[in-house]
Amino acid sequence: MDRVCLFAILFLMLAACAAPPQIDSQAIRGIPFTTKQWLAELPEGEFAIGISYADPNLEATSGAIAKDYAAVAMSRNHASYVVDKEIFLDLANAPELDLNRLSFNVVVSADLEFLRHCSNNLQLVDSFVSAGYFIGLYGINKPVTISESSVELNEIPPAWYNREGVSLMDKQLNSVASSHQARLGDALNMAQEKALRQIAQYRLQNVLGKIRSINDRTDQAIALETVTRNQECYFQRINIYQWKSGESFSYTVYVQMGAKP
C-alpha cells in the first residue's frame, strides 16, 4: 500500500474517532485567527486546503504532510457515497412516504484512484503559518491569482453561516457545516464530512421521488447507483475561530461547499 493511501486510511480512522473537547464555558475565551484572504474566499475549481503542525526545523516535512491532507480532502470531494440500497429501495416502494422527514445512513467513500491523482498532481499555490499550524492552498495544474493579504477571522459564526444544511441557489447546491475539535485538522475534516453528508442526503431525497415512479426494482437500483457516484463537490468558504481554555486550544471551523444538484 503506497504512502498516500495509508495516510488516507489513518486520517479517516482518526477523524472518525475524534470527539469534540469538553469546554468550560466560564473559562474559555475566543481568539481571532490570523489567516490569508484566500482561505475565507477560496478560488473556484480544483483547490483544497492542507494542514499540518508547523515545525520551523522541518518545513519540508510540514509541507509534505499538508499536501497529503489536501489530497485526501480533494479526493473526498470526488468520492462516491454508500447507502444501504435494500433499505433505500424498500422505502422507495413504501405506500406512504414523507420525503422531507427521511434521513439515510450515508458513508462518504474515498476514491483511491483519484487520491493518487491528487497526490501526484497537487501543487502548492500559497501557504502561511498561524497558531502553530502550516496551512497551504493546493491546486491541480491550475495557476490562479489570489489575494495574499492577511486578515483576522473574528466573526463567529461568519456572516454567511445561517444554519447547517443544504440550499439550492442559482442551480447550485450550497452545503454549510461546522465542527469544533481540539485540533484544527480534525475540525476541518469533520466539517467537510458533515457538508458532504448533507449533499448526499439532499441528492438521495431528490432521487427517491423519481425512483418511486419506476416500477422495476432492478431499474430502481440502477438509478440509485447512478446518483451515488462521484459527488464532485468543491470548497467555497472556510472560516476558523480559535478558543483558549487555560493552556489548551481548540478550533471551530465553518465550511461552505458547492456542488451541482
Protein backbone atom coordinates (compact mmCIF):
# COMPACT_ATOMS: atom_id res chain seq x y z
CA MET A 1 0.00 0.00 0.00
CA ASP A 2 1.58 3.34 -1.00
CA ARG A 3 2.16 6.18 1.45
CA VAL A 4 -0.74 8.42 0.44
CA CYS A 5 -3.31 5.61 0.66
CA LEU A 6 -2.02 4.63 4.09
CA PHE A 7 -2.20 8.26 5.15
CA ALA A 8 -5.80 8.48 3.90
CA ILE A 9 -6.90 5.40 5.83
CA LEU A 10 -5.23 6.50 9.07
CA PHE A 11 -6.52 10.04 8.62
CA LEU A 12 -10.13 8.92 8.21
CA MET A 13 -9.88 6.44 11.11
CA LEU A 14 -8.55 9.12 13.47
CA ALA A 15 -11.16 11.62 12.31
CA ALA A 16 -13.95 9.13 12.89
CA CYS A 17 -12.75 8.60 16.46
CA ALA A 18 -12.29 12.29 17.24
CA ALA A 19 -14.75 13.70 19.76
CA PRO A 20 -15.43 17.37 20.50
CA PRO A 21 -13.46 18.52 23.55
CA GLN A 22 -15.31 19.34 26.74
CA ILE A 23 -15.45 23.11 27.15
CA ASP A 24 -15.79 25.09 30.36
CA SER A 25 -17.89 28.00 29.16
CA GLN A 26 -16.78 30.07 32.15
CA ALA A 27 -13.08 29.78 31.38
CA ILE A 28 -12.92 29.74 27.58
CA ARG A 29 -12.25 32.82 25.51
CA GLY A 30 -12.22 33.36 21.77
CA ILE A 31 -9.12 34.43 19.86
CA PRO A 32 -9.31 35.73 16.27
CA PHE A 33 -7.44 33.50 13.83
CA THR A 34 -4.90 35.23 11.58
CA THR A 35 -5.01 33.91 8.03
CA LYS A 36 -4.70 34.97 4.42
CA GLN A 37 -7.63 36.29 2.46
CA TRP A 38 -7.82 33.29 0.11
CA LEU A 39 -8.84 30.97 2.97
CA ALA A 40 -12.01 32.96 3.65
CA GLU A 41 -12.93 33.03 -0.05
CA LEU A 42 -11.37 30.11 -1.93
CA PRO A 43 -10.73 30.32 -5.69
CA GLU A 44 -13.11 28.39 -7.91
CA GLY A 45 -12.08 24.98 -9.18
CA GLU A 46 -9.90 22.10 -8.03
CA PHE A 47 -8.42 23.51 -4.84
CA ALA A 48 -8.14 22.17 -1.30
CA ILE A 49 -6.59 23.19 1.99
CA GLY A 50 -3.73 21.26 3.56
CA ILE A 51 -2.96 21.44 7.28
CA SER A 52 -0.08 20.20 9.40
CA TYR A 53 1.76 21.25 12.53
CA ALA A 54 4.37 23.87 11.70
CA ASP A 55 7.94 22.91 12.52
CA PRO A 56 10.49 25.59 11.57
CA ASN A 57 13.22 22.94 11.53
CA LEU A 58 11.24 20.56 9.28
CA GLU A 59 9.50 22.86 6.83
CA ALA A 60 9.65 20.28 4.01
CA THR A 61 8.03 17.67 6.26
CA SER A 62 5.24 20.08 7.26
CA GLY A 63 4.58 20.80 3.60
CA ALA A 64 4.52 17.11 2.66
CA ILE A 65 2.04 16.26 5.42
CA ALA A 66 -0.17 19.23 4.47
CA LYS A 67 -0.11 18.12 0.83
CA ASP A 68 -1.27 14.62 1.83
CA TYR A 69 -4.06 16.19 3.90
CA ALA A 70 -5.15 18.29 0.90
CA ALA A 71 -5.05 15.22 -1.38
CA VAL A 72 -7.39 13.34 0.97
CA ALA A 73 -9.74 16.33 1.23
CA MET A 74 -9.92 16.77 -2.53
CA SER A 75 -10.39 13.05 -3.20
CA ARG A 76 -13.35 13.02 -0.79
CA ASN A 77 -14.91 15.84 -2.79
CA HIS A 78 -14.86 13.48 -5.77
CA ALA A 79 -15.90 10.41 -3.81
CA SER A 80 -18.93 8.21 -4.03
CA TYR A 81 -21.19 7.70 -1.08
CA VAL A 82 -22.52 4.44 0.26
CA VAL A 83 -26.09 3.79 1.41
CA ASP A 84 -27.90 0.56 2.22
CA LYS A 85 -29.56 0.02 -1.14
CA GLU A 86 -32.08 -2.56 0.05
CA ILE A 87 -33.39 -0.33 2.82
CA PHE A 88 -33.48 2.62 0.45
CA LEU A 89 -35.42 0.72 -2.21
CA ASP A 90 -37.84 -0.65 0.39
CA LEU A 91 -38.55 2.95 1.42
CA ALA A 92 -38.98 3.94 -2.20
CA ASN A 93 -41.67 1.31 -2.58
CA ALA A 94 -43.49 2.10 0.66
CA PRO A 95 -47.12 3.15 0.01
CA GLU A 96 -46.88 6.26 2.18
CA LEU A 97 -43.73 8.34 2.46
CA ASP A 98 -42.84 11.83 3.69
CA LEU A 99 -39.74 12.72 1.69
CA ASN A 100 -38.93 15.75 3.83
CA ARG A 101 -38.65 13.74 7.05
CA LEU A 102 -36.40 10.98 5.78
CA SER A 103 -32.72 10.62 6.61
CA PHE A 104 -30.29 7.96 5.47
CA ASN A 105 -27.16 6.44 6.95
CA VAL A 106 -24.60 7.68 4.43
CA VAL A 107 -20.88 6.91 4.32
CA VAL A 108 -18.53 9.02 2.22
CA SER A 109 -16.22 6.62 0.41
CA ALA A 110 -12.84 7.97 -0.69
CA ASP A 111 -11.83 7.39 -4.30
CA LEU A 112 -8.32 5.90 -4.03
CA GLU A 113 -7.59 6.30 -7.74
CA PHE A 114 -8.41 10.00 -7.62
CA LEU A 115 -6.43 10.24 -4.36
CA ARG A 116 -3.32 9.02 -6.19
CA HIS A 117 -4.03 11.53 -8.95
CA CYS A 118 -4.22 14.34 -6.38
CA SER A 119 -1.06 13.19 -4.63
CA ASN A 120 0.87 13.24 -7.91
CA ASN A 121 -0.51 16.49 -9.31
CA LEU A 122 -1.32 18.83 -6.45
CA GLN A 123 0.77 21.99 -6.46
CA LEU A 124 1.26 24.43 -3.60
CA VAL A 125 -0.24 27.78 -4.56
CA ASP A 126 0.45 29.65 -1.32
CA SER A 127 0.90 28.97 2.39
CA PHE A 128 1.19 30.63 5.77
CA VAL A 129 1.79 29.71 9.41
CA SER A 130 -0.69 30.62 12.12
CA ALA A 131 -1.24 29.38 15.70
CA GLY A 132 1.45 26.75 15.21
CA TYR A 133 -0.11 25.30 12.05
CA PHE A 134 1.19 25.22 8.48
CA ILE A 135 -1.75 25.90 6.16
CA GLY A 136 -1.40 25.58 2.40
CA LEU A 137 -3.63 26.17 -0.61
CA TYR A 138 -3.17 23.37 -3.16
CA GLY A 139 -4.45 23.08 -6.72
CA ILE A 140 -4.17 20.69 -9.65
CA ASN A 141 -2.18 22.13 -12.55
CA LYS A 142 -4.18 25.32 -12.48
CA PRO A 143 -2.46 28.70 -11.97
CA VAL A 144 -4.63 31.18 -10.11
CA THR A 145 -4.37 34.77 -8.94
CA ILE A 146 -5.09 35.08 -5.23
CA SER A 147 -5.00 37.76 -2.58
CA GLU A 148 -2.07 37.24 -0.24
CA SER A 149 -3.18 39.91 2.23
CA SER A 150 -3.56 38.84 5.86
CA VAL A 151 -6.85 39.09 7.70
CA GLU A 152 -8.19 38.16 11.11
CA LEU A 153 -11.17 35.80 11.15
CA ASN A 154 -13.10 37.14 14.13
CA GLU A 155 -16.73 36.51 13.18
CA ILE A 156 -18.39 33.62 14.96
CA PRO A 157 -20.36 32.47 13.22
CA PRO A 158 -19.33 34.15 9.94
CA ALA A 159 -21.93 36.30 8.19
CA TRP A 160 -22.56 33.65 5.50
CA TYR A 161 -23.41 31.00 8.09
CA ASN A 162 -27.10 30.93 8.99
CA ARG A 163 -27.64 27.30 9.86
CA GLU A 164 -26.26 23.94 8.87
CA GLY A 165 -27.87 22.35 5.86
CA VAL A 166 -28.21 22.49 2.09
CA SER A 167 -29.79 25.22 0.00
CA LEU A 168 -30.34 25.44 -3.76
CA MET A 169 -29.43 28.78 -5.32
CA ASP A 170 -28.82 29.61 -8.98
CA LYS A 171 -28.80 25.92 -9.96
CA GLN A 172 -26.14 25.12 -7.38
CA LEU A 173 -26.19 23.29 -4.07
CA ASN A 174 -24.59 25.09 -1.14
CA SER A 175 -23.86 22.97 1.91
CA VAL A 176 -22.88 24.69 5.17
CA ALA A 177 -21.48 22.82 8.18
CA SER A 178 -19.26 23.34 11.21
CA SER A 179 -17.23 21.37 13.71
CA HIS A 180 -15.42 22.11 16.97
CA GLN A 181 -12.36 19.99 17.78
CA ALA A 182 -9.17 20.17 19.80
CA ARG A 183 -7.05 20.00 16.63
CA LEU A 184 -7.50 22.26 13.64
CA GLY A 185 -7.07 19.47 11.07
CA ASP A 186 -9.75 17.38 12.76
CA ALA A 187 -12.16 20.32 12.86
CA LEU A 188 -11.82 21.00 9.12
CA ASN A 189 -12.06 17.30 8.30
CA MET A 190 -15.24 16.80 10.34
CA ALA A 191 -16.87 19.95 8.96
CA GLN A 192 -16.15 18.75 5.42
CA GLU A 193 -17.56 15.31 6.29
CA LYS A 194 -20.81 16.84 7.54
CA ALA A 195 -21.12 19.07 4.46
CA LEU A 196 -20.60 16.10 2.12
CA ARG A 197 -23.16 14.00 4.02
CA GLN A 198 -25.69 16.81 3.73
CA ILE A 199 -25.22 16.96 -0.03
CA ALA A 200 -25.60 13.18 -0.22
CA GLN A 201 -28.82 13.33 1.83
CA TYR A 202 -30.21 16.03 -0.44
CA ARG A 203 -29.44 14.02 -3.57
CA LEU A 204 -30.90 10.83 -2.13
CA GLN A 205 -34.12 12.58 -1.11
CA ASN A 206 -34.30 14.13 -4.56
CA VAL A 207 -33.82 10.82 -6.41
CA LEU A 208 -36.20 8.94 -4.12
CA GLY A 209 -39.22 10.62 -5.66
CA LYS A 210 -38.01 9.71 -9.15
CA ILE A 211 -37.31 6.10 -8.15
CA ARG A 212 -40.87 5.74 -6.84
CA SER A 213 -42.11 6.31 -10.37
CA ILE A 214 -40.05 3.36 -11.69
CA ASN A 215 -41.83 0.03 -11.45
CA ASP A 216 -38.94 -2.39 -11.94
CA ARG A 217 -36.70 -2.87 -8.87
CA THR A 218 -33.63 -3.56 -11.00
CA ASP A 219 -34.12 -0.26 -12.82
CA GLN A 220 -34.59 1.42 -9.45
CA ALA A 221 -31.26 0.01 -8.26
CA ILE A 222 -29.53 1.28 -11.41
CA ALA A 223 -30.96 4.77 -10.87
CA LEU A 224 -29.77 4.74 -7.26
CA GLU A 225 -26.29 3.53 -8.27
CA THR A 226 -26.01 6.41 -10.73
CA VAL A 227 -26.79 9.13 -8.19
CA THR A 228 -24.34 7.81 -5.58
CA ARG A 229 -21.31 8.06 -7.86
CA ASN A 230 -18.85 10.95 -7.82
CA GLN A 231 -20.06 13.86 -5.78
CA GLU A 232 -17.80 16.43 -7.48
CA CYS A 233 -18.06 18.99 -4.69
CA TYR A 234 -15.68 21.84 -4.03
CA PHE A 235 -14.78 24.21 -1.21
CA GLN A 236 -16.18 27.73 -1.37
CA ARG A 237 -15.51 29.31 2.01
CA ILE A 238 -13.70 28.34 5.20
CA ASN A 239 -13.77 30.24 8.48
CA ILE A 240 -11.64 29.36 11.51
CA TYR A 241 -12.04 30.57 15.06
CA GLN A 242 -9.65 29.74 17.86
CA TRP A 243 -10.53 29.17 21.50
CA LYS A 244 -8.34 29.11 24.58
CA SER A 245 -9.17 27.46 27.89
CA GLY A 246 -6.31 27.54 30.37
CA GLU A 247 -3.31 26.35 28.39
CA SER A 248 -5.40 24.37 25.89
CA PHE A 249 -6.58 25.49 22.47
CA SER A 250 -9.44 24.29 20.32
CA TYR A 251 -10.90 25.32 16.98
CA THR A 252 -14.28 25.90 15.39
CA VAL A 253 -14.28 25.53 11.61
CA TYR A 254 -17.13 26.57 9.33
CA VAL A 255 -17.21 25.41 5.71
CA GLN A 256 -19.38 26.13 2.73
CA MET A 257 -19.21 23.63 -0.11
CA GLY A 258 -20.74 23.80 -3.56
CA ALA A 259 -21.99 21.07 -5.87
CA LYS A 260 -24.25 20.51 -8.82
CA PRO A 261 -27.81 19.38 -7.87
